[in-house]
C-alpha atoms as a PDB file:
ATOM      1  CA  MET A   1      34.078 -16.299  -9.326  1.00  0.00           C
ATOM      2  CA  LYS A   2      31.254 -18.440 -10.710  1.00  0.00           C
ATOM      3  CA  LEU A   3      28.964 -17.394  -7.851  1.00  0.00           C
ATOM      4  CA  TRP A   4      29.574 -13.694  -8.617  1.00  0.00           C
ATOM      5  CA  SER A   5      28.698 -14.215 -12.285  1.00  0.00           C
ATOM      6  CA  LEU A   6      25.441 -15.986 -11.248  1.00  0.00           C
ATOM      7  CA  VAL A   7      24.558 -13.084  -8.943  1.00  0.00           C
ATOM      8  CA  LYS A   8      25.249 -10.572 -11.728  1.00  0.00           C
ATOM      9  CA  LYS A   9      23.051 -12.551 -14.106  1.00  0.00           C
ATOM     10  CA  ARG A  10      20.189 -12.704 -11.615  1.00  0.00           C
ATOM     11  CA  ARG A  11      20.249  -9.060 -10.718  1.00  0.00           C
ATOM     12  CA  PRO A  12      18.553  -7.798 -13.937  1.00  0.00           C
ATOM     13  CA  GLN A  13      15.857 -10.460 -13.604  1.00  0.00           C
ATOM     14  CA  THR A  14      15.158  -9.370 -10.064  1.00  0.00           C
ATOM     15  CA  ARG A  15      15.044  -5.714 -11.103  1.00  0.00           C
ATOM     16  CA  LYS A  16      12.771  -6.540 -14.016  1.00  0.00           C
ATOM     17  CA  ARG A  17      10.450  -8.493 -11.733  1.00  0.00           C
ATOM     18  CA  MET A  18      10.364  -5.625  -9.273  1.00  0.00           C
ATOM     19  CA  GLU A  19       9.435  -3.235 -12.095  1.00  0.00           C
ATOM     20  CA  THR A  20       6.725  -5.608 -13.266  1.00  0.00           C
ATOM     21  CA  ASP A  21       5.312  -5.922  -9.728  1.00  0.00           C
ATOM     22  CA  LEU A  22       5.357  -2.111  -9.367  1.00  0.00           C
ATOM     23  CA  ASN A  23       3.636  -1.666 -12.740  1.00  0.00           C
ATOM     24  CA  LYS A  24       0.977  -4.203 -11.753  1.00  0.00           C
ATOM     25  CA  TYR A  25       0.430  -2.421  -8.464  1.00  0.00           C
ATOM     26  CA  LEU A  26       0.157   0.946 -10.237  1.00  0.00           C
ATOM     27  CA  ALA A  27      -2.340  -0.374 -12.780  1.00  0.00           C
ATOM     28  CA  LEU A  28      -4.393  -1.965 -10.051  1.00  0.00           C
ATOM     29  CA  ILE A  29      -4.537   1.026  -7.704  1.00  0.00           C
ATOM     30  CA  ARG A  30      -5.155   3.348 -10.669  1.00  0.00           C
ATOM     31  CA  ILE A  31      -8.245   1.336 -11.574  1.00  0.00           C
ATOM     32  CA  VAL A  32      -9.415   0.929  -7.955  1.00  0.00           C
ATOM     33  CA  ILE A  33      -8.998   4.627  -7.121  1.00  0.00           C
ATOM     34  CA  GLY A  34     -10.390   5.617 -10.536  1.00  0.00           C
ATOM     35  CA  TYR A  35     -13.385   3.403  -9.885  1.00  0.00           C
ATOM     36  CA  LEU A  36     -13.948   4.827  -6.410  1.00  0.00           C
ATOM     37  CA  GLY A  37     -13.521   8.427  -7.577  1.00  0.00           C
ATOM     38  CA  GLU A  38     -16.263   8.152 -10.181  1.00  0.00           C
ATOM     39  CA  ARG A  39     -19.611   9.921  -9.859  1.00  0.00           C
ATOM     40  CA  ALA A  40     -21.377   6.750  -8.619  1.00  0.00           C
ATOM     41  CA  HIS A  41     -19.113   6.461  -5.573  1.00  0.00           C
ATOM     42  CA  PHE A  42     -17.236   9.470  -4.215  1.00  0.00           C
ATOM     43  CA  GLY A  43     -17.807  11.861  -7.147  1.00  0.00           C
ATOM     44  CA  TRP A  44     -14.311  13.313  -7.467  1.00  0.00           C
ATOM     45  CA  TRP A  45     -14.600  13.168 -11.256  1.00  0.00           C
ATOM     46  CA  GLN A  46     -17.734  13.115 -13.321  1.00  0.00           C
ATOM     47  CA  SER A  47     -17.051   9.956 -15.329  1.00  0.00           C
ATOM     48  CA  SER A  48     -19.126   6.782 -15.257  1.00  0.00           C
ATOM     49  CA  PHE A  49     -16.943   4.223 -17.007  1.00  0.00           C
ATOM     50  CA  PHE A  50     -17.528   1.519 -14.406  1.00  0.00           C
ATOM     51  CA  ILE A  51     -21.299   1.703 -13.822  1.00  0.00           C
ATOM     52  CA  GLN A  52     -23.407  -1.264 -14.923  1.00  0.00           C
ATOM     53  CA  GLY A  53     -24.767   0.442 -18.016  1.00  0.00           C
ATOM     54  CA  SER A  54     -21.300   1.146 -19.344  1.00  0.00           C
ATOM     55  CA  SER A  55     -20.772  -2.513 -20.167  1.00  0.00           C
ATOM     56  CA  ALA A  56     -23.673  -2.520 -22.582  1.00  0.00           C
ATOM     57  CA  PHE A  57     -22.206   0.521 -24.367  1.00  0.00           C
ATOM     58  CA  LEU A  58     -18.550  -0.577 -24.370  1.00  0.00           C
ATOM     59  CA  SER A  59     -18.767  -4.286 -25.030  1.00  0.00           C
ATOM     60  CA  PRO A  60     -19.848  -4.111 -28.725  1.00  0.00           C
ATOM     61  CA  ILE A  61     -16.966  -1.722 -29.495  1.00  0.00           C
ATOM     62  CA  PHE A  62     -14.304  -3.080 -27.119  1.00  0.00           C
ATOM     63  CA  SER A  63     -15.345  -6.729 -26.715  1.00  0.00           C
ATOM     64  CA  ARG A  64     -11.854  -8.010 -25.741  1.00  0.00           C
ATOM     65  CA  THR A  65     -10.430  -4.805 -24.285  1.00  0.00           C
ATOM     66  CA  GLN A  66     -13.368  -3.405 -22.295  1.00  0.00           C
ATOM     67  CA  LEU A  67     -11.376  -2.998 -19.071  1.00  0.00           C
ATOM     68  CA  LEU A  68      -8.602  -1.256 -20.970  1.00  0.00           C
ATOM     69  CA  ALA A  69     -11.134   1.209 -22.419  1.00  0.00           C
ATOM     70  CA  GLN A  70     -12.582   1.842 -18.928  1.00  0.00           C
ATOM     71  CA  TYR A  71      -9.017   2.250 -17.604  1.00  0.00           C
ATOM     72  CA  ASN A  72      -8.169   4.838 -20.253  1.00  0.00           C
ATOM     73  CA  GLY A  73     -11.400   6.727 -19.748  1.00  0.00           C
ATOM     74  CA  VAL A  74     -11.221   6.926 -15.994  1.00  0.00           C
ATOM     75  CA  THR A  75      -7.525   7.765 -16.137  1.00  0.00           C
ATOM     76  CA  ARG A  76      -8.233  10.744 -18.411  1.00  0.00           C
ATOM     77  CA  ALA A  77     -11.115  11.959 -16.257  1.00  0.00           C
ATOM     78  CA  ALA A  78      -9.071  11.689 -13.045  1.00  0.00           C
ATOM     79  CA  ALA A  79      -5.990  13.258 -14.700  1.00  0.00           C
ATOM     80  CA  LEU A  80      -7.980  16.344 -15.583  1.00  0.00           C
ATOM     81  CA  VAL A  81      -9.079  16.821 -11.958  1.00  0.00           C
ATOM     82  CA  HIS A  82      -5.579  16.211 -10.630  1.00  0.00           C
ATOM     83  CA  ASP A  83      -3.903  18.494 -13.183  1.00  0.00           C
ATOM     84  CA  GLU A  84      -6.351  21.280 -12.431  1.00  0.00           C
ATOM     85  CA  ARG A  85      -5.658  21.159  -8.704  1.00  0.00           C
ATOM     86  CA  ILE A  86      -1.950  20.140  -8.636  1.00  0.00           C
ATOM     87  CA  GLY A  87      -0.746  21.656 -11.860  1.00  0.00           C
ATOM     88  CA  VAL A  88       1.308  20.309 -14.739  1.00  0.00           C
ATOM     89  CA  GLY A  89       4.997  20.424 -15.512  1.00  0.00           C
ATOM     90  CA  TYR A  90       7.550  18.550 -13.473  1.00  0.00           C
ATOM     91  CA  VAL A  91       4.801  16.903 -11.500  1.00  0.00           C
ATOM     92  CA  TYR A  92       3.603  13.297 -11.580  1.00  0.00           C
ATOM     93  CA  HIS A  93       0.639  11.672  -9.912  1.00  0.00           C
ATOM     94  CA  LEU A  94      -1.219   8.375 -10.122  1.00  0.00           C
ATOM     95  CA  PHE A  95      -3.059   9.449 -13.262  1.00  0.00           C
ATOM     96  CA  ARG A  96      -0.097  11.081 -15.030  1.00  0.00           C
ATOM     97  CA  LEU A  97       3.041   8.884 -14.964  1.00  0.00           C
ATOM     98  CA  PRO A  98       6.229   8.873 -17.007  1.00  0.00           C
ATOM     99  CA  GLU A  99       5.687   7.466 -20.493  1.00  0.00           C
ATOM    100  CA  GLU A 100       7.511   4.145 -19.911  1.00  0.00           C
ATOM    101  CA  ILE A 101       5.325   3.388 -16.908  1.00  0.00           C
ATOM    102  CA  GLU A 102       2.194   4.365 -18.812  1.00  0.00           C
ATOM    103  CA  GLN A 103       3.158   1.935 -21.599  1.00  0.00           C
ATOM    104  CA  ALA A 104       3.981  -0.847 -19.195  1.00  0.00           C
ATOM    105  CA  THR A 105       0.679  -0.559 -17.329  1.00  0.00           C
ATOM    106  CA  HIS A 106      -1.166  -0.433 -20.646  1.00  0.00           C
ATOM    107  CA  ARG A 107       0.506  -3.712 -21.776  1.00  0.00           C
ATOM    108  CA  LEU A 108      -0.465  -5.420 -18.549  1.00  0.00           C
ATOM    109  CA  LEU A 109      -4.155  -4.834 -19.251  1.00  0.00           C
ATOM    110  CA  HIS A 110      -3.891  -7.232 -22.178  1.00  0.00           C
ATOM    111  CA  GLU A 111      -3.121 -10.121 -19.825  1.00  0.00           C
ATOM    112  CA  THR A 112      -6.329 -12.099 -19.241  1.00  0.00           C
ATOM    113  CA  GLN A 113      -5.387 -13.353 -15.762  1.00  0.00           C
ATOM    114  CA  PHE A 114      -4.523  -9.853 -14.563  1.00  0.00           C
ATOM    115  CA  VAL A 115      -7.757  -8.421 -15.980  1.00  0.00           C
ATOM    116  CA  GLU A 116      -9.793 -11.096 -14.221  1.00  0.00           C
ATOM    117  CA  HIS A 117      -8.048 -10.343 -10.943  1.00  0.00           C
ATOM    118  CA  ILE A 118      -8.884  -6.664 -11.302  1.00  0.00           C
ATOM    119  CA  ARG A 119     -12.513  -7.393 -12.119  1.00  0.00           C
ATOM    120  CA  LYS A 120     -12.894  -9.277  -8.832  1.00  0.00           C
ATOM    121  CA  ILE A 121     -11.643  -6.227  -6.909  1.00  0.00           C
ATOM    122  CA  ILE A 122     -13.945  -3.654  -8.508  1.00  0.00           C
ATOM    123  CA  THR A 123     -17.218  -5.549  -8.017  1.00  0.00           C
ATOM    124  CA  SER A 124     -18.377  -3.019  -5.384  1.00  0.00           C
ATOM    125  CA  LYS A 125     -17.406   0.059  -3.469  1.00  0.00           C
ATOM    126  CA  VAL A 126     -16.843  -2.047  -0.329  1.00  0.00           C
ATOM    127  CA  THR A 127     -14.596  -4.543  -2.086  1.00  0.00           C
ATOM    128  CA  ALA A 128     -12.512  -1.812  -3.674  1.00  0.00           C
ATOM    129  CA  LEU A 129     -12.110   0.106  -0.395  1.00  0.00           C
ATOM    130  CA  ASP A 130     -11.154  -3.177   1.329  1.00  0.00           C
ATOM    131  CA  TYR A 131      -8.483  -3.868  -1.290  1.00  0.00           C
ATOM    132  CA  LEU A 132      -7.135  -0.347  -0.894  1.00  0.00           C
ATOM    133  CA  ARG A 133      -7.040  -0.633   2.912  1.00  0.00           C
ATOM    134  CA  LYS A 134      -5.228  -3.976   2.813  1.00  0.00           C
ATOM    135  CA  ASN A 135      -2.694  -3.001   0.129  1.00  0.00           C
ATOM    136  CA  SER A 136      -1.585   0.411   1.278  1.00  0.00           C
ATOM    137  CA  THR A 137       0.408   2.159   4.005  1.00  0.00           C
ATOM    138  CA  ILE A 138      -2.055   4.188   5.967  1.00  0.00           C
ATOM    139  CA  GLN A 139      -0.792   7.242   7.819  1.00  0.00           C
ATOM    140  CA  GLU A 140      -2.636   9.890   9.725  1.00  0.00           C
ATOM    141  CA  GLN A 141      -2.974  12.756   7.358  1.00  0.00           C
ATOM    142  CA  SER A 142      -3.866  16.301   8.290  1.00  0.00           C
ATOM    143  CA  ALA A 143      -3.283  17.908   4.875  1.00  0.00           C
ATOM    144  CA  ILE A 144      -6.128  18.368   2.473  1.00  0.00           C
ATOM    145  CA  GLY A 145      -5.745  18.929  -1.249  1.00  0.00           C
ATOM    146  CA  PRO A 146      -2.488  18.492  -3.135  1.00  0.00           C
ATOM    147  CA  THR A 147       0.006  16.583  -0.969  1.00  0.00           C
ATOM    148  CA  ARG A 148       3.603  16.035  -2.011  1.00  0.00           C
ATOM    149  CA  VAL A 149       4.716  12.442  -1.309  1.00  0.00           C
ATOM    150  CA  GLY A 150       8.272  12.663  -2.609  1.00  0.00           C
ATOM    151  CA  ASP A 151      10.558  13.599  -5.458  1.00  0.00           C
ATOM    152  CA  ILE A 152      10.484  12.053  -8.927  1.00  0.00           C
ATOM    153  CA  HIS A 153      13.030   9.403  -7.905  1.00  0.00           C
ATOM    154  CA  ALA A 154      10.390   7.912  -5.583  1.00  0.00           C
ATOM    155  CA  LEU A 155       8.156   7.153  -8.590  1.00  0.00           C
ATOM    156  CA  ARG A 156       9.838   3.746  -8.883  1.00  0.00           C
ATOM    157  CA  ASN A 157       9.544   2.952  -5.205  1.00  0.00           C
ATOM    158  CA  CYS A 158       6.655   0.641  -4.381  1.00  0.00           C
ATOM    159  CA  GLU A 159       6.616   1.797  -0.751  1.00  0.00           C
ATOM    160  CA  ALA A 160       6.030   5.369  -1.886  1.00  0.00           C
ATOM    161  CA  TRP A 161       3.043   4.178  -3.927  1.00  0.00           C
ATOM    162  CA  LYS A 162       1.653   2.330  -0.956  1.00  0.00           C
ATOM    163  CA  VAL A 163       1.689   5.637   0.893  1.00  0.00           C
ATOM    164  CA  VAL A 164      -0.146   7.196  -2.079  1.00  0.00           C
ATOM    165  CA  ALA A 165      -2.783   4.425  -1.920  1.00  0.00           C
ATOM    166  CA  GLY A 166      -3.084   4.955   1.812  1.00  0.00           C
ATOM    167  CA  LEU A 167      -3.640   8.718   1.341  1.00  0.00           C
ATOM    168  CA  TYR A 168      -6.432   7.993  -1.164  1.00  0.00           C
ATOM    169  CA  TYR A 169      -7.923   5.466   1.264  1.00  0.00           C
ATOM    170  CA  VAL A 170      -7.929   8.018   4.095  1.00  0.00           C
ATOM    171  CA  SER A 171      -9.414  10.635   1.814  1.00  0.00           C
ATOM    172  CA  PHE A 172     -12.271   8.330   0.759  1.00  0.00           C
ATOM    173  CA  GLU A 173     -12.967   7.219   4.326  1.00  0.00           C
ATOM    174  CA  LYS A 174     -12.923  10.734   5.764  1.00  0.00           C
ATOM    175  CA  GLN A 175     -14.617  12.195   2.700  1.00  0.00           C
ATOM    176  CA  ILE A 176     -11.915  14.770   2.166  1.00  0.00           C
ATOM    177  CA  GLU A 177      -9.911  15.368  -0.992  1.00  0.00           C
ATOM    178  CA  ILE A 178      -6.215  14.473  -0.785  1.00  0.00           C
ATOM    179  CA  LEU A 179      -4.316  14.478  -4.109  1.00  0.00           C
ATOM    180  CA  PRO A 180      -0.874  12.893  -3.692  1.00  0.00           C
ATOM    181  CA  TYR A 181       1.865  13.798  -6.165  1.00  0.00           C
ATOM    182  CA  PHE A 182       5.599  13.645  -6.799  1.00  0.00           C
ATOM    183  CA  SER A 183       7.739  16.549  -8.003  1.00  0.00           C
ATOM    184  CA  SER A 184      11.380  17.468  -8.397  1.00  0.00           C
END
């Protein structure tokens, strides 16, 4: 009986940790894919939040939250492109997530260690692509454009997001546009 009560007490902690890990993964791949999709790299959206000159512009205004400002900017630019091609409504994609996930990823970008980890990944196009390749599930993909990955229940499944990251990796490598999404 005591063992069962210990298991019950640990279960929420494990679930909470899984949610934190997923939120960190989502924040990280959102920044990496946002960075790669910008005009300076693959040109999927016309933003330039991560180019060298952006630091000089953003640092006086957002001295402690520069990465968060870049994150918000590139998220908005990428969301516009995704929404235009996929549509809005009962549809979610990497750049438009349920509100509780949006808030959780936003909070993570106030953690200094996490921000420093991200900065190391987005030092160059090669480094970002390498991170994406190593931290995704890559599948051969024949579809181009909007690609349904799963239903909205899969939004909280890390493996589904690894498939999403893999689809973006393939699209960047093959220079084709694949826009993964979830819908009911």
